[in-house]
PDB file of N, CA and C in Angstrom:
ATOM      1  N   MET A   1    -101.723  32.735  67.717  1.00  0.00           N
ATOM      2  CA  MET A   1    -101.535  31.435  68.336  1.00  0.00           C
ATOM      3  C   MET A   1    -102.454  30.415  67.657  1.00  0.00           C
ATOM      4  N   GLU A   2    -101.880  29.245  67.369  1.00  0.00           N
ATOM      5  CA  GLU A   2    -102.657  28.196  66.713  1.00  0.00           C
ATOM      6  C   GLU A   2    -103.588  27.524  67.695  1.00  0.00           C
ATOM      7  N   SER A   3    -104.818  27.326  67.251  1.00  0.00           N
ATOM      8  CA  SER A   3    -105.738  26.547  68.079  1.00  0.00           C
ATOM      9  C   SER A   3    -105.484  25.075  67.803  1.00  0.00           C
ATOM     10  N   PRO A   4    -105.911  24.187  68.699  1.00  0.00           N
ATOM     11  CA  PRO A   4    -105.703  22.753  68.450  1.00  0.00           C
ATOM     12  C   PRO A   4    -106.321  22.280  67.140  1.00  0.00           C
ATOM     13  N   ASP A   5    -107.388  22.938  66.691  1.00  0.00           N
ATOM     14  CA  ASP A   5    -108.033  22.534  65.439  1.00  0.00           C
ATOM     15  C   ASP A   5    -107.199  22.920  64.222  1.00  0.00           C
ATOM     16  N   ASP A   6    -106.333  23.973  64.369  1.00  0.00           N
ATOM     17  CA  ASP A   6    -105.505  24.441  63.257  1.00  0.00           C
ATOM     18  C   ASP A   6    -104.217  23.652  63.118  1.00  0.00           C
ATOM     19  N   ALA A   7    -103.814  22.989  64.169  1.00  0.00           N
ATOM     20  CA  ALA A   7    -102.555  22.251  64.144  1.00  0.00           C
ATOM     21  C   ALA A   7    -102.661  21.055  63.206  1.00  0.00           C
ATOM     22  N   GLU A   8    -101.536  20.769  62.524  1.00  0.00           N
ATOM     23  CA  GLU A   8    -101.517  19.591  61.658  1.00  0.00           C
ATOM     24  C   GLU A   8    -101.575  18.348  62.525  1.00  0.00           C
ATOM     25  N   PRO A   9    -102.321  17.339  62.089  1.00  0.00           N
ATOM     26  CA  PRO A   9    -102.363  16.103  62.873  1.00  0.00           C
ATOM     27  C   PRO A   9    -100.990  15.446  62.883  1.00  0.00           C
ATOM     28  N   GLU A  10    -100.641  14.871  64.015  1.00  0.00           N
ATOM     29  CA  GLU A  10     -99.359  14.191  64.108  1.00  0.00           C
ATOM     30  C   GLU A  10     -99.432  12.893  63.328  1.00  0.00           C
ATOM     31  N   PHE A  11     -98.374  12.600  62.608  1.00  0.00           N
ATOM     32  CA  PHE A  11     -98.328  11.412  61.765  1.00  0.00           C
ATOM     33  C   PHE A  11     -97.312  10.439  62.328  1.00  0.00           C
ATOM     34  N   THR A  12     -97.724   9.217  62.555  1.00  0.00           N
ATOM     35  CA  THR A  12     -96.799   8.201  63.039  1.00  0.00           C
ATOM     36  C   THR A  12     -96.748   7.062  62.037  1.00  0.00           C
ATOM     37  N   LYS A  13     -95.559   6.816  61.536  1.00  0.00           N
ATOM     38  CA  LYS A  13     -95.375   5.762  60.556  1.00  0.00           C
ATOM     39  C   LYS A  13     -95.518   4.409  61.236  1.00  0.00           C
ATOM     40  N   PRO A  14     -96.211   3.454  60.612  1.00  0.00           N
ATOM     41  CA  PRO A  14     -96.345   2.133  61.227  1.00  0.00           C
ATOM     42  C   PRO A  14     -94.996   1.437  61.312  1.00  0.00           C
ATOM     43  N   THR A  15     -94.828   0.610  62.316  1.00  0.00           N
ATOM     44  CA  THR A  15     -93.613  -0.185  62.429  1.00  0.00           C
ATOM     45  C   THR A  15     -93.847  -1.512  61.725  1.00  0.00           C
ATOM     46  N   GLU A  16     -92.782  -2.264  61.522  1.00  0.00           N
ATOM     47  CA  GLU A  16     -92.928  -3.557  60.860  1.00  0.00           C
ATOM     48  C   GLU A  16     -93.812  -4.491  61.671  1.00  0.00           C
ATOM     49  N   ASP A  17     -93.882  -4.307  62.997  1.00  0.00           N
ATOM     50  CA  ASP A  17     -94.741  -5.146  63.832  1.00  0.00           C
ATOM     51  C   ASP A  17     -96.220  -4.880  63.565  1.00  0.00           C
ATOM     52  N   ASP A  18     -96.545  -3.692  63.047  1.00  0.00           N
ATOM     53  CA  ASP A  18     -97.933  -3.322  62.776  1.00  0.00           C
ATOM     54  C   ASP A  18     -98.444  -3.890  61.458  1.00  0.00           C
ATOM     55  N   LEU A  19     -97.544  -4.377  60.646  1.00  0.00           N
ATOM     56  CA  LEU A  19     -97.887  -4.731  59.277  1.00  0.00           C
ATOM     57  C   LEU A  19     -97.770  -6.225  59.028  1.00  0.00           C
ATOM     58  N   PRO A  20     -98.377  -6.694  57.929  1.00  0.00           N
ATOM     59  CA  PRO A  20     -98.267  -8.105  57.583  1.00  0.00           C
ATOM     60  C   PRO A  20     -96.812  -8.504  57.338  1.00  0.00           C
ATOM     61  N   PRO A  21     -96.533  -9.811  57.259  1.00  0.00           N
ATOM     62  CA  PRO A  21     -95.166 -10.272  57.066  1.00  0.00           C
ATOM     63  C   PRO A  21     -94.587  -9.876  55.713  1.00  0.00           C
ATOM     64  N   HIS A  22     -93.453 -10.443  55.392  1.00  0.00           N
ATOM     65  CA  HIS A  22     -92.715 -10.129  54.173  1.00  0.00           C
ATOM     66  C   HIS A  22     -93.651  -9.971  52.978  1.00  0.00           C
ATOM     67  N   PRO A  23     -93.356  -8.994  52.095  1.00  0.00           N
ATOM     68  CA  PRO A  23     -94.290  -8.648  51.023  1.00  0.00           C
ATOM     69  C   PRO A  23     -94.600  -9.741  50.020  1.00  0.00           C
ATOM     70  N   VAL A  24     -93.761 -10.743  49.893  1.00  0.00           N
ATOM     71  CA  VAL A  24     -94.053 -11.748  48.874  1.00  0.00           C
ATOM     72  C   VAL A  24     -94.729 -12.983  49.461  1.00  0.00           C
ATOM     73  N   GLU A  25     -94.957 -12.997  50.763  1.00  0.00           N
ATOM     74  CA  GLU A  25     -95.718 -14.097  51.353  1.00  0.00           C
ATOM     75  C   GLU A  25     -97.204 -13.867  51.079  1.00  0.00           C
ATOM     76  N   PRO A  26     -97.949 -14.926  50.792  1.00  0.00           N
ATOM     77  CA  PRO A  26     -99.387 -14.737  50.541  1.00  0.00           C
ATOM     78  C   PRO A  26    -100.077 -14.113  51.746  1.00  0.00           C
ATOM     79  N   TYR A  27    -100.905 -13.143  51.492  1.00  0.00           N
ATOM     80  CA  TYR A  27    -101.622 -12.455  52.564  1.00  0.00           C
ATOM     81  C   TYR A  27    -103.047 -12.988  52.635  1.00  0.00           C
ATOM     82  N   VAL A  28    -103.432 -13.422  53.801  1.00  0.00           N
ATOM     83  CA  VAL A  28    -104.794 -13.897  54.035  1.00  0.00           C
ATOM     84  C   VAL A  28    -105.431 -12.964  55.054  1.00  0.00           C
ATOM     85  N   PRO A  29    -106.455 -12.206  54.658  1.00  0.00           N
ATOM     86  CA  PRO A  29    -107.069 -11.277  55.607  1.00  0.00           C
ATOM     87  C   PRO A  29    -107.680 -12.025  56.790  1.00  0.00           C
ATOM     88  N   PRO A  30    -107.585 -11.435  57.988  1.00  0.00           N
ATOM     89  CA  PRO A  30    -108.128 -12.096  59.169  1.00  0.00           C
ATOM     90  C   PRO A  30    -109.653 -12.127  59.214  1.00  0.00           C
ATOM     91  N   VAL A  31    -110.302 -11.309  58.387  1.00  0.00           N
ATOM     92  CA  VAL A  31    -111.768 -11.253  58.353  1.00  0.00           C
ATOM     93  C   VAL A  31    -112.225 -11.196  56.900  1.00  0.00           C
ATOM     94  N   ASP A  32    -113.508 -11.431  56.713  1.00  0.00           N
ATOM     95  CA  ASP A  32    -114.094 -11.264  55.392  1.00  0.00           C
ATOM     96  C   ASP A  32    -114.127  -9.760  55.097  1.00  0.00           C
ATOM     97  N   LEU A  33    -113.266  -9.300  54.210  1.00  0.00           N
ATOM     98  CA  LEU A  33    -113.146  -7.858  53.967  1.00  0.00           C
ATOM     99  C   LEU A  33    -114.411  -7.244  53.385  1.00  0.00           C
ATOM    100  N   GLU A  34    -115.215  -8.033  52.705  1.00  0.00           N
ATOM    101  CA  GLU A  34    -116.457  -7.504  52.155  1.00  0.00           C
ATOM    102  C   GLU A  34    -117.416  -7.061  53.262  1.00  0.00           C
ATOM    103  N   SER A  35    -117.247  -7.611  54.466  1.00  0.00           N
ATOM    104  CA  SER A  35    -118.131  -7.260  55.577  1.00  0.00           C
ATOM    105  C   SER A  35    -117.669  -6.002  56.318  1.00  0.00           C
ATOM    106  N   VAL A  36    -116.487  -5.488  55.976  1.00  0.00           N
ATOM    107  CA  VAL A  36    -115.961  -4.294  56.644  1.00  0.00           C
ATOM    108  C   VAL A  36    -116.450  -3.067  55.881  1.00  0.00           C
ATOM    109  N   PRO A  37    -117.205  -2.186  56.541  1.00  0.00           N
ATOM    110  CA  PRO A  37    -117.708  -0.998  55.831  1.00  0.00           C
ATOM    111  C   PRO A  37    -116.567  -0.029  55.508  1.00  0.00           C
ATOM    112  N   LEU A  38    -116.670   0.621  54.355  1.00  0.00           N
ATOM    113  CA  LEU A  38    -115.668   1.612  53.966  1.00  0.00           C
ATOM    114  C   LEU A  38    -115.979   2.948  54.627  1.00  0.00           C
ATOM    115  N   PRO A  39    -114.951   3.590  55.199  1.00  0.00           N
ATOM    116  CA  PRO A  39    -115.180   4.908  55.802  1.00  0.00           C
ATOM    117  C   PRO A  39    -115.289   5.979  54.714  1.00  0.00           C
ATOM    118  N   LYS A  40    -115.885   7.102  55.064  1.00  0.00           N
ATOM    119  CA  LYS A  40    -115.993   8.211  54.112  1.00  0.00           C
ATOM    120  C   LYS A  40    -114.661   8.932  53.960  1.00  0.00           C
ATOM    121  N   SER A  41    -113.812   8.862  54.992  1.00  0.00           N
ATOM    122  CA  SER A  41    -112.502   9.499  54.927  1.00  0.00           C
ATOM    123  C   SER A  41    -111.527   8.749  55.831  1.00  0.00           C
ATOM    124  N   LEU A  42    -110.251   9.051  55.655  1.00  0.00           N
ATOM    125  CA  LEU A  42    -109.189   8.445  56.455  1.00  0.00           C
ATOM    126  C   LEU A  42    -108.328   9.552  57.054  1.00  0.00           C
ATOM    127  N   ASN A  43    -107.790   9.308  58.253  1.00  0.00           N
ATOM    128  CA  ASN A  43    -106.810  10.255  58.775  1.00  0.00           C
ATOM    129  C   ASN A  43    -105.454   9.928  58.149  1.00  0.00           C
ATOM    130  N   LEU A  44    -104.416  10.704  58.441  1.00  0.00           N
ATOM    131  CA  LEU A  44    -103.121  10.501  57.797  1.00  0.00           C
ATOM    132  C   LEU A  44    -102.543   9.119  58.081  1.00  0.00           C
ATOM    133  N   ASP A  45    -102.624   8.671  59.335  1.00  0.00           N
ATOM    134  CA  ASP A  45    -102.107   7.341  59.669  1.00  0.00           C
ATOM    135  C   ASP A  45    -102.834   6.262  58.871  1.00  0.00           C
ATOM    136  N   GLU A  46    -104.143   6.349  58.813  1.00  0.00           N
ATOM    137  CA  GLU A  46    -104.930   5.357  58.085  1.00  0.00           C
ATOM    138  C   GLU A  46    -104.615   5.383  56.585  1.00  0.00           C
ATOM    139  N   ALA A  47    -104.436   6.578  56.031  1.00  0.00           N
ATOM    140  CA  ALA A  47    -104.116   6.696  54.610  1.00  0.00           C
ATOM    141  C   ALA A  47    -102.738   6.093  54.312  1.00  0.00           C
ATOM    142  N   TYR A  48    -101.783   6.347  55.193  1.00  0.00           N
ATOM    143  CA  TYR A  48    -100.438   5.783  54.998  1.00  0.00           C
ATOM    144  C   TYR A  48    -100.488   4.262  55.094  1.00  0.00           C
ATOM    145  N   ARG A  49    -101.148   3.754  56.121  1.00  0.00           N
ATOM    146  CA  ARG A  49    -101.254   2.299  56.287  1.00  0.00           C
ATOM    147  C   ARG A  49    -101.983   1.668  55.102  1.00  0.00           C
ATOM    148  N   THR A  50    -103.005   2.349  54.592  1.00  0.00           N
ATOM    149  CA  THR A  50    -103.732   1.854  53.427  1.00  0.00           C
ATOM    150  C   THR A  50    -102.791   1.720  52.233  1.00  0.00           C
ATOM    151  N   THR A  51    -101.942   2.708  52.029  1.00  0.00           N
ATOM    152  CA  THR A  51    -100.986   2.665  50.927  1.00  0.00           C
ATOM    153  C   THR A  51    -100.010   1.503  51.106  1.00  0.00           C
ATOM    154  N   VAL A  52     -99.505   1.336  52.333  1.00  0.00           N
ATOM    155  CA  VAL A  52     -98.592   0.226  52.608  1.00  0.00           C
ATOM    156  C   VAL A  52     -99.300  -1.105  52.362  1.00  0.00           C
ATOM    157  N   PHE A  53    -100.526  -1.236  52.866  1.00  0.00           N
ATOM    158  CA  PHE A  53    -101.276  -2.484  52.677  1.00  0.00           C
ATOM    159  C   PHE A  53    -101.557  -2.745  51.196  1.00  0.00           C
ATOM    160  N   PHE A  54    -101.841  -1.686  50.443  1.00  0.00           N
ATOM    161  CA  PHE A  54    -102.112  -1.825  49.014  1.00  0.00           C
ATOM    162  C   PHE A  54    -100.892  -2.403  48.292  1.00  0.00           C
ATOM    163  N   VAL A  55     -99.718  -1.841  48.577  1.00  0.00           N
ATOM    164  CA  VAL A  55     -98.486  -2.337  47.955  1.00  0.00           C
ATOM    165  C   VAL A  55     -98.199  -3.756  48.424  1.00  0.00           C
ATOM    166  N   GLU A  56     -98.385  -4.011  49.717  1.00  0.00           N
ATOM    167  CA  GLU A  56     -98.155  -5.350  50.263  1.00  0.00           C
ATOM    168  C   GLU A  56     -99.087  -6.367  49.608  1.00  0.00           C
ATOM    169  N   GLN A  57    -100.329  -6.001  49.414  1.00  0.00           N
ATOM    170  CA  GLN A  57    -101.296  -6.894  48.777  1.00  0.00           C
ATOM    171  C   GLN A  57    -100.877  -7.210  47.351  1.00  0.00           C
ATOM    172  N   TYR A  58    -100.460  -6.188  46.612  1.00  0.00           N
ATOM    173  CA  TYR A  58     -99.986  -6.406  45.239  1.00  0.00           C
ATOM    174  C   TYR A  58     -98.810  -7.378  45.244  1.00  0.00           C
ATOM    175  N   LEU A  59     -97.838  -7.131  46.133  1.00  0.00           N
ATOM    176  CA  LEU A  59     -96.643  -7.977  46.172  1.00  0.00           C
ATOM    177  C   LEU A  59     -96.982  -9.423  46.519  1.00  0.00           C
ATOM    178  N   SER A  60     -97.955  -9.618  47.390  1.00  0.00           N
ATOM    179  CA  SER A  60     -98.294 -10.982  47.794  1.00  0.00           C
ATOM    180  C   SER A  60     -99.061 -11.734  46.707  1.00  0.00           C
ATOM    181  N   LEU A  61     -99.703 -11.003  45.800  1.00  0.00           N
ATOM    182  CA  LEU A  61    -100.488 -11.648  44.752  1.00  0.00           C
ATOM    183  C   LEU A  61     -99.675 -11.958  43.495  1.00  0.00           C
ATOM    184  N   GLU A  62     -98.578 -11.254  43.299  1.00  0.00           N
ATOM    185  CA  GLU A  62     -97.766 -11.439  42.096  1.00  0.00           C
ATOM    186  C   GLU A  62     -96.817 -12.625  42.257  1.00  0.00           C
ATOM    187  N   ASP A  63     -96.698 -13.438  41.207  1.00  0.00           N
ATOM    188  CA  ASP A  63     -95.760 -14.560  41.247  1.00  0.00           C
ATOM    189  C   ASP A  63     -94.316 -14.080  41.271  1.00  0.00           C
ATOM    190  N   SER A  64     -94.026 -13.062  40.491  1.00  0.00           N
ATOM    191  CA  SER A  64     -92.681 -12.484  40.500  1.00  0.00           C
ATOM    192  C   SER A  64     -92.827 -10.965  40.525  1.00  0.00           C
ATOM    193  N   PRO A  65     -93.019 -10.423  41.728  1.00  0.00           N
ATOM    194  CA  PRO A  65     -93.254  -8.978  41.836  1.00  0.00           C
ATOM    195  C   PRO A  65     -92.048  -8.160  41.410  1.00  0.00           C
ATOM    196  N   SER A  66     -92.331  -6.986  40.945  1.00  0.00           N
ATOM    197  CA  SER A  66     -91.295  -6.059  40.514  1.00  0.00           C
ATOM    198  C   SER A  66     -90.382  -5.702  41.679  1.00  0.00           C
ATOM    199  N   GLU A  67     -89.098  -5.706  41.407  1.00  0.00           N
ATOM    200  CA  GLU A  67     -88.108  -5.309  42.421  1.00  0.00           C
ATOM    201  C   GLU A  67     -88.366  -3.868  42.872  1.00  0.00           C
ATOM    202  N   ASP A  68     -88.857  -3.032  41.941  1.00  0.00           N
ATOM    203  CA  ASP A  68     -89.158  -1.640  42.282  1.00  0.00           C
ATOM    204  C   ASP A  68     -90.237  -1.553  43.359  1.00  0.00           C
ATOM    205  N   PHE A  69     -91.265  -2.386  43.246  1.00  0.00           N
ATOM    206  CA  PHE A  69     -92.322  -2.376  44.257  1.00  0.00           C
ATOM    207  C   PHE A  69     -91.812  -2.897  45.602  1.00  0.00           C
ATOM    208  N   ILE A  70     -90.952  -3.903  45.557  1.00  0.00           N
ATOM    209  CA  ILE A  70     -90.370  -4.410  46.804  1.00  0.00           C
ATOM    210  C   ILE A  70     -89.550  -3.321  47.474  1.00  0.00           C
ATOM    211  N   LEU A  71     -88.752  -2.604  46.696  1.00  0.00           N
ATOM    212  CA  LEU A  71     -87.947  -1.513  47.251  1.00  0.00           C
ATOM    213  C   LEU A  71     -88.834  -0.384  47.772  1.00  0.00           C
ATOM    214  N   PHE A  72     -89.906  -0.085  47.047  1.00  0.00           N
ATOM    215  CA  PHE A  72     -90.838   0.951  47.498  1.00  0.00           C
ATOM    216  C   PHE A  72     -91.477   0.551  48.829  1.00  0.00           C
ATOM    217  N   TYR A  73     -91.877  -0.696  48.936  1.00  0.00           N
ATOM    218  CA  TYR A  73     -92.463  -1.218  50.178  1.00  0.00           C
ATOM    219  C   TYR A  73     -91.463  -1.098  51.327  1.00  0.00           C
ATOM    220  N   GLN A  74     -90.224  -1.501  51.081  1.00  0.00           N
ATOM    221  CA  GLN A  74     -89.195  -1.405  52.119  1.00  0.00           C
ATOM    222  C   GLN A  74     -88.931   0.049  52.498  1.00  0.00           C
ATOM    223  N   TYR A  75     -88.928   0.932  51.510  1.00  0.00           N
ATOM    224  CA  TYR A  75     -88.765   2.365  51.768  1.00  0.00           C
ATOM    225  C   TYR A  75     -89.879   2.887  52.671  1.00  0.00           C
ATOM    226  N   MET A  76     -91.110   2.490  52.390  1.00  0.00           N
ATOM    227  CA  MET A  76     -92.237   2.968  53.194  1.00  0.00           C
ATOM    228  C   MET A  76     -92.140   2.499  54.640  1.00  0.00           C
ATOM    229  N   LEU A  77     -91.531   1.345  54.867  1.00  0.00           N
ATOM    230  CA  LEU A  77     -91.422   0.811  56.219  1.00  0.00           C
ATOM    231  C   LEU A  77     -90.195   1.305  56.963  1.00  0.00           C
ATOM    232  N   SER A  78     -89.138   1.650  56.243  1.00  0.00           N
ATOM    233  CA  SER A  78     -87.875   1.874  56.938  1.00  0.00           C
ATOM    234  C   SER A  78     -87.285   3.274  56.821  1.00  0.00           C
ATOM    235  N   ASP A  79     -87.628   4.032  55.794  1.00  0.00           N
ATOM    236  CA  ASP A  79     -87.004   5.341  55.597  1.00  0.00           C
ATOM    237  C   ASP A  79     -87.724   6.401  56.427  1.00  0.00           C
ATOM    238  N   PRO A  80     -86.998   7.086  57.323  1.00  0.00           N
ATOM    239  CA  PRO A  80     -87.640   8.127  58.147  1.00  0.00           C
ATOM    240  C   PRO A  80     -88.286   9.243  57.320  1.00  0.00           C
ATOM    241  N   ALA A  81     -87.809   9.465  56.109  1.00  0.00           N
ATOM    242  CA  ALA A  81     -88.367  10.526  55.264  1.00  0.00           C
ATOM    243  C   ALA A  81     -89.677  10.114  54.600  1.00  0.00           C
ATOM    244  N   ALA A  82     -90.033   8.838  54.663  1.00  0.00           N
ATOM    245  CA  ALA A  82     -91.229   8.363  53.955  1.00  0.00           C
ATOM    246  C   ALA A  82     -92.491   9.070  54.432  1.00  0.00           C
ATOM    247  N   SER A  83     -92.644   9.277  55.729  1.00  0.00           N
ATOM    248  CA  SER A  83     -93.863   9.917  56.223  1.00  0.00           C
ATOM    249  C   SER A  83     -93.941  11.376  55.759  1.00  0.00           C
ATOM    250  N   GLU A  84     -92.791  12.072  55.719  1.00  0.00           N
ATOM    251  CA  GLU A  84     -92.792  13.450  55.230  1.00  0.00           C
ATOM    252  C   GLU A  84     -93.078  13.481  53.728  1.00  0.00           C
ATOM    253  N   ASP A  85     -92.510  12.546  52.992  1.00  0.00           N
ATOM    254  CA  ASP A  85     -92.790  12.460  51.551  1.00  0.00           C
ATOM    255  C   ASP A  85     -94.271  12.193  51.317  1.00  0.00           C
ATOM    256  N   PHE A  86     -94.858  11.351  52.162  1.00  0.00           N
ATOM    257  CA  PHE A  86     -96.280  11.026  52.038  1.00  0.00           C
ATOM    258  C   PHE A  86     -97.143  12.258  52.301  1.00  0.00           C
ATOM    259  N   THR A  87     -96.851  12.994  53.383  1.00  0.00           N
ATOM    260  CA  THR A  87     -97.649  14.192  53.673  1.00  0.00           C
ATOM    261  C   THR A  87     -97.438  15.261  52.602  1.00  0.00           C
ATOM    262  N   ASP A  88     -96.226  15.348  52.027  1.00  0.00           N
ATOM    263  CA  ASP A  88     -96.001  16.280  50.912  1.00  0.00           C
ATOM    264  C   ASP A  88     -96.853  15.884  49.709  1.00  0.00           C
ATOM    265  N   ALA A  89     -96.988  14.581  49.465  1.00  0.00           N
ATOM    266  CA  ALA A  89     -97.825  14.118  48.355  1.00  0.00           C
ATOM    267  C   ALA A  89     -99.291  14.473  48.595  1.00  0.00           C
ATOM    268  N   ILE A  90     -99.727  14.398  49.845  1.00  0.00           N
ATOM    269  CA  ILE A  90    -101.104  14.779  50.177  1.00  0.00           C
ATOM    270  C   ILE A  90    -101.294  16.269  49.931  1.00  0.00           C
ATOM    271  N   ARG A  91    -100.326  17.081  50.355  1.00  0.00           N
ATOM    272  CA  ARG A  91    -100.418  18.524  50.105  1.00  0.00           C
ATOM    273  C   ARG A  91    -100.463  18.809  48.604  1.00  0.00           C
ATOM    274  N   ARG A  92     -99.655  18.073  47.842  1.00  0.00           N
ATOM    275  CA  ARG A  92     -99.655  18.249  46.386  1.00  0.00           C
ATOM    276  C   ARG A  92    -101.027  17.915  45.810  1.00  0.00           C
ATOM    277  N   MET A  93    -101.614  16.814  46.278  1.00  0.00           N
ATOM    278  CA  MET A  93    -102.940  16.410  45.786  1.00  0.00           C
ATOM    279  C   MET A  93    -103.990  17.465  46.161  1.00  0.00           C
ATOM    280  N   LYS A  94    -103.924  17.994  47.387  1.00  0.00           N
ATOM    281  CA  LYS A  94    -104.912  18.978  47.837  1.00  0.00           C
ATOM    282  C   LYS A  94    -104.786  20.300  47.078  1.00  0.00           C
ATOM    283  N   SER A  95    -103.593  20.597  46.533  1.00  0.00           N
ATOM    284  CA  SER A  95    -103.410  21.839  45.797  1.00  0.00           C
ATOM    285  C   SER A  95    -103.568  21.649  44.293  1.00  0.00           C
ATOM    286  N   TRP A  96    -103.863  20.425  43.876  1.00  0.00           N
ATOM    287  CA  TRP A  96    -103.969  20.076  42.465  1.00  0.00           C
ATOM    288  C   TRP A  96    -105.139  20.787  41.821  1.00  0.00           C
ATOM    289  N   ASP A  97    -104.910  21.321  40.652  1.00  0.00           N
ATOM    290  CA  ASP A  97    -105.958  21.965  39.864  1.00  0.00           C
ATOM    291  C   ASP A  97    -106.525  20.919  38.909  1.00  0.00           C
ATOM    292  N   ALA A  98    -107.704  20.425  39.226  1.00  0.00           N
ATOM    293  CA  ALA A  98    -108.310  19.349  38.436  1.00  0.00           C
ATOM    294  C   ALA A  98    -108.635  19.774  37.006  1.00  0.00           C
ATOM    295  N   SER A  99    -108.628  21.072  36.739  1.00  0.00           N
ATOM    296  CA  SER A  99    -108.958  21.548  35.392  1.00  0.00           C
ATOM    297  C   SER A  99    -107.794  21.395  34.429  1.00  0.00           C
ATOM    298  N   LEU A 100    -106.595  21.072  34.929  1.00  0.00           N
ATOM    299  CA  LEU A 100    -105.433  20.937  34.037  1.00  0.00           C
ATOM    300  C   LEU A 100    -105.520  19.691  33.200  1.00  0.00           C
TER     301      LEU A 100
END
């Protein structure tokens, strides 16, 4: 029997209401980001949101962002498989042999 510590953490994909507006609109952070301390680690939800925010930030800074990045951003927000693909990527990274 699995103990609660052995169970995989539940992952919930952010909704569009949780995220900044359209990716090509300029993004203005609500706070001075330099004053926000960086954590030593992130949980799965935080890591996923960080990835979404990273892509969103890139899209908002580019004058003519790549259509591929826009589609990737939309995929991360709307495709039900995105969260499973993300956790599979984490598993791939954790099993990576850095000596290769």
